[in-house]
Amino acid sequence: MVEHNIPDYMRGFDLNEDYGFTPVSEKPVVETAPVIDPKAIESNKVELSKIKTDVTSIKSMMSEIMDIVNEKETITKEVASAETLQRFKEIEKVILPFLYNLSKSDEPYIHWPNRGPIIKAQIDKILKLTRQ
């Protein structure tokens, strides 16, 4: 399927990659009242602890990325090598479709279950390209 109303900068990119989110017109509603099971609470505490660890790990990776950017004297230096230009194009192929898919709907909410592993995979792709 070819979209004709996409920005020029998105032409040639894979726009069909599924990032796991869906634009919706309103906040998803829970159909039934939750039943609280004390055993589930303990299980959720373990899961919450895991999520906090994952978030801390993502924050740490993002902090490392920002440290690398801040170490550079200038971001506007001319890119001289063809290899570097190619790596930037590969980074665009990872980042631009992801951001474009996030922005292409006017719905006020995005339903995005299991986003942690999807975002982590995108971060890993970027780090693979930037730390060769």
C-alpha atoms as a PDB file:
ATOM      1  CA  MET A   1       0.000   0.000   0.000  1.00  0.00           C
ATOM      2  CA  VAL A   2       1.483   3.341  -1.071  1.00  0.00           C
ATOM      3  CA  GLU A   3       0.560   6.467   0.815  1.00  0.00           C
ATOM      4  CA  HIS A   4       0.506   9.512  -1.433  1.00  0.00           C
ATOM      5  CA  ASN A   5       0.161  12.073   1.354  1.00  0.00           C
ATOM      6  CA  ILE A   6       3.430  11.341   3.098  1.00  0.00           C
ATOM      7  CA  PRO A   7       6.155  13.978   3.504  1.00  0.00           C
ATOM      8  CA  ASP A   8       9.002  13.889   0.970  1.00  0.00           C
ATOM      9  CA  TYR A   9      11.513  13.012   3.684  1.00  0.00           C
ATOM     10  CA  MET A  10       9.586   9.755   4.355  1.00  0.00           C
ATOM     11  CA  ARG A  11       9.666   8.474   0.754  1.00  0.00           C
ATOM     12  CA  GLY A  12      11.714   5.305   0.433  1.00  0.00           C
ATOM     13  CA  PHE A  13      11.324   4.280   4.063  1.00  0.00           C
ATOM     14  CA  ASP A  14       9.447   1.200   5.285  1.00  0.00           C
ATOM     15  CA  LEU A  15       6.196   2.615   6.682  1.00  0.00           C
ATOM     16  CA  ASN A  16       4.645  -0.787   7.364  1.00  0.00           C
ATOM     17  CA  GLU A  17       6.727  -1.757  10.407  1.00  0.00           C
ATOM     18  CA  ASP A  18       4.444  -2.450  13.382  1.00  0.00           C
ATOM     19  CA  TYR A  19       5.566  -0.591  16.512  1.00  0.00           C
ATOM     20  CA  GLY A  20       2.675  -1.925  18.617  1.00  0.00           C
ATOM     21  CA  PHE A  21       0.618   1.250  19.058  1.00  0.00           C
ATOM     22  CA  THR A  22      -2.812   2.113  17.698  1.00  0.00           C
ATOM     23  CA  PRO A  23      -4.354   5.601  17.449  1.00  0.00           C
ATOM     24  CA  VAL A  24      -7.743   5.704  19.161  1.00  0.00           C
ATOM     25  CA  SER A  25     -10.339   8.443  19.501  1.00  0.00           C
ATOM     26  CA  GLU A  26     -10.592   8.151  23.267  1.00  0.00           C
ATOM     27  CA  LYS A  27      -8.814   6.670  26.234  1.00  0.00           C
ATOM     28  CA  PRO A  28      -9.387   2.882  26.399  1.00  0.00           C
ATOM     29  CA  VAL A  29     -11.990   1.928  28.994  1.00  0.00           C
ATOM     30  CA  VAL A  30     -11.734  -1.094  31.264  1.00  0.00           C
ATOM     31  CA  GLU A  31     -14.954  -3.041  30.709  1.00  0.00           C
ATOM     32  CA  THR A  32     -15.155  -4.688  34.145  1.00  0.00           C
ATOM     33  CA  ALA A  33     -14.219  -3.572  37.609  1.00  0.00           C
ATOM     34  CA  PRO A  34     -10.905  -5.102  38.629  1.00  0.00           C
ATOM     35  CA  VAL A  35     -10.927  -7.879  41.201  1.00  0.00           C
ATOM     36  CA  ILE A  36      -8.073  -7.556  43.644  1.00  0.00           C
ATOM     37  CA  ASP A  37      -6.351 -10.776  44.556  1.00  0.00           C
ATOM     38  CA  PRO A  38      -3.641 -10.449  47.251  1.00  0.00           C
ATOM     39  CA  LYS A  39      -1.467 -12.984  45.413  1.00  0.00           C
ATOM     40  CA  ALA A  40      -1.708 -10.899  42.261  1.00  0.00           C
ATOM     41  CA  ILE A  41      -0.601  -7.825  44.202  1.00  0.00           C
ATOM     42  CA  GLU A  42       2.592  -9.601  45.221  1.00  0.00           C
ATOM     43  CA  SER A  43       3.088 -10.725  41.635  1.00  0.00           C
ATOM     44  CA  ASN A  44       2.474  -7.162  40.443  1.00  0.00           C
ATOM     45  CA  LYS A  45       5.052  -5.845  42.908  1.00  0.00           C
ATOM     46  CA  VAL A  46       7.622  -8.130  41.286  1.00  0.00           C
ATOM     47  CA  GLU A  47       6.484  -7.025  37.808  1.00  0.00           C
ATOM     48  CA  LEU A  48       6.536  -3.370  38.892  1.00  0.00           C
ATOM     49  CA  SER A  49      10.044  -3.849  40.213  1.00  0.00           C
ATOM     50  CA  LYS A  50      11.055  -5.325  36.841  1.00  0.00           C
ATOM     51  CA  ILE A  51       9.442  -2.391  34.999  1.00  0.00           C
ATOM     52  CA  LYS A  52      11.246   0.089  37.257  1.00  0.00           C
ATOM     53  CA  THR A  53      14.504  -1.709  36.493  1.00  0.00           C
ATOM     54  CA  ASP A  54      13.752  -1.565  32.751  1.00  0.00           C
ATOM     55  CA  VAL A  55      12.908   2.152  32.959  1.00  0.00           C
ATOM     56  CA  THR A  56      16.097   2.800  34.908  1.00  0.00           C
ATOM     57  CA  SER A  57      18.047   0.897  32.258  1.00  0.00           C
ATOM     58  CA  ILE A  58      16.410   2.913  29.443  1.00  0.00           C
ATOM     59  CA  LYS A  59      17.111   6.173  31.306  1.00  0.00           C
ATOM     60  CA  SER A  60      20.723   5.090  31.749  1.00  0.00           C
ATOM     61  CA  MET A  61      21.052   4.331  28.032  1.00  0.00           C
ATOM     62  CA  MET A  62      19.484   7.669  27.127  1.00  0.00           C
ATOM     63  CA  SER A  63      21.833   9.395  29.569  1.00  0.00           C
ATOM     64  CA  GLU A  64      24.782   7.695  27.854  1.00  0.00           C
ATOM     65  CA  ILE A  65      23.521   8.908  24.473  1.00  0.00           C
ATOM     66  CA  MET A  66      23.176  12.461  25.809  1.00  0.00           C
ATOM     67  CA  ASP A  67      26.676  12.282  27.322  1.00  0.00           C
ATOM     68  CA  ILE A  68      28.083  11.280  23.925  1.00  0.00           C
ATOM     69  CA  VAL A  69      26.267  14.159  22.234  1.00  0.00           C
ATOM     70  CA  ASN A  70      27.433  16.617  24.900  1.00  0.00           C
ATOM     71  CA  GLU A  71      31.064  15.506  24.522  1.00  0.00           C
ATOM     72  CA  LYS A  72      31.152  16.662  20.927  1.00  0.00           C
ATOM     73  CA  GLU A  73      32.464  20.178  20.338  1.00  0.00           C
ATOM     74  CA  THR A  74      29.913  20.844  17.650  1.00  0.00           C
ATOM     75  CA  ILE A  75      27.097  18.986  15.958  1.00  0.00           C
ATOM     76  CA  THR A  76      27.408  20.997  12.772  1.00  0.00           C
ATOM     77  CA  LYS A  77      30.754  19.605  11.591  1.00  0.00           C
ATOM     78  CA  GLU A  78      30.789  18.509   7.989  1.00  0.00           C
ATOM     79  CA  VAL A  79      30.366  14.784   7.531  1.00  0.00           C
ATOM     80  CA  ALA A  80      33.309  13.758   5.390  1.00  0.00           C
ATOM     81  CA  SER A  81      33.213  10.025   4.820  1.00  0.00           C
ATOM     82  CA  ALA A  82      30.756   8.017   2.740  1.00  0.00           C
ATOM     83  CA  GLU A  83      30.636   5.424   5.528  1.00  0.00           C
ATOM     84  CA  THR A  84      29.467   8.031   8.031  1.00  0.00           C
ATOM     85  CA  LEU A  85      26.841   9.323   5.606  1.00  0.00           C
ATOM     86  CA  GLN A  86      25.569   5.767   5.121  1.00  0.00           C
ATOM     87  CA  ARG A  87      25.350   5.227   8.891  1.00  0.00           C
ATOM     88  CA  PHE A  88      23.287   8.408   9.236  1.00  0.00           C
ATOM     89  CA  LYS A  89      20.947   7.139   6.521  1.00  0.00           C
ATOM     90  CA  GLU A  90      20.599   3.837   8.380  1.00  0.00           C
ATOM     91  CA  ILE A  91      19.812   5.740  11.598  1.00  0.00           C
ATOM     92  CA  GLU A  92      17.146   7.708   9.702  1.00  0.00           C
ATOM     93  CA  LYS A  93      15.631   4.400   8.560  1.00  0.00           C
ATOM     94  CA  VAL A  94      15.217   3.429  12.219  1.00  0.00           C
ATOM     95  CA  ILE A  95      14.085   6.747  13.691  1.00  0.00           C
ATOM     96  CA  LEU A  96      11.979   8.469  11.019  1.00  0.00           C
ATOM     97  CA  PRO A  97       9.437   5.677  10.373  1.00  0.00           C
ATOM     98  CA  PHE A  98       9.041   5.246  14.129  1.00  0.00           C
ATOM     99  CA  LEU A  99       8.369   8.949  14.704  1.00  0.00           C
ATOM    100  CA  TYR A 100       6.240   9.243  11.561  1.00  0.00           C
ATOM    101  CA  ASN A 101       4.013   6.363  12.690  1.00  0.00           C
ATOM    102  CA  LEU A 102       3.607   8.061  16.069  1.00  0.00           C
ATOM    103  CA  SER A 103       2.531  11.322  14.456  1.00  0.00           C
ATOM    104  CA  LYS A 104       0.366  10.254  11.521  1.00  0.00           C
ATOM    105  CA  SER A 105      -2.969  10.175  13.383  1.00  0.00           C
ATOM    106  CA  ASP A 106      -4.898  13.060  14.906  1.00  0.00           C
ATOM    107  CA  GLU A 107      -6.434  10.803  17.563  1.00  0.00           C
ATOM    108  CA  PRO A 108      -5.897  12.251  21.058  1.00  0.00           C
ATOM    109  CA  TYR A 109      -4.683   8.970  22.595  1.00  0.00           C
ATOM    110  CA  ILE A 110      -2.297   6.210  21.584  1.00  0.00           C
ATOM    111  CA  HIS A 111      -2.955   2.714  22.869  1.00  0.00           C
ATOM    112  CA  TRP A 112       0.522   1.196  23.110  1.00  0.00           C
ATOM    113  CA  PRO A 113       0.667  -2.021  25.124  1.00  0.00           C
ATOM    114  CA  ASN A 114       4.057  -3.701  25.626  1.00  0.00           C
ATOM    115  CA  ARG A 115       5.922  -0.594  24.490  1.00  0.00           C
ATOM    116  CA  GLY A 116       8.957  -1.276  26.692  1.00  0.00           C
ATOM    117  CA  PRO A 117      10.415  -4.086  24.556  1.00  0.00           C
ATOM    118  CA  ILE A 118       9.567  -2.244  21.324  1.00  0.00           C
ATOM    119  CA  ILE A 119      11.308   0.952  22.477  1.00  0.00           C
ATOM    120  CA  LYS A 120      14.264  -1.064  23.795  1.00  0.00           C
ATOM    121  CA  ALA A 121      14.605  -2.741  20.377  1.00  0.00           C
ATOM    122  CA  GLN A 122      14.656   0.700  18.691  1.00  0.00           C
ATOM    123  CA  ILE A 123      17.299   1.920  21.148  1.00  0.00           C
ATOM    124  CA  ASP A 124      19.373  -1.208  20.459  1.00  0.00           C
ATOM    125  CA  LYS A 125      19.126  -0.585  16.697  1.00  0.00           C
ATOM    126  CA  ILE A 126      20.280   3.009  17.145  1.00  0.00           C
ATOM    127  CA  LEU A 127      23.145   2.065  19.459  1.00  0.00           C
ATOM    128  CA  LYS A 128      24.267  -0.623  17.016  1.00  0.00           C
ATOM    129  CA  LEU A 129      24.554   2.035  14.311  1.00  0.00           C
ATOM    130  CA  THR A 130      26.121   4.756  16.476  1.00  0.00           C
ATOM    131  CA  ARG A 131      28.666   2.611  18.333  1.00  0.00           C
ATOM    132  CA  GLN A 132      30.270   0.660  15.520  1.00  0.00           C
END
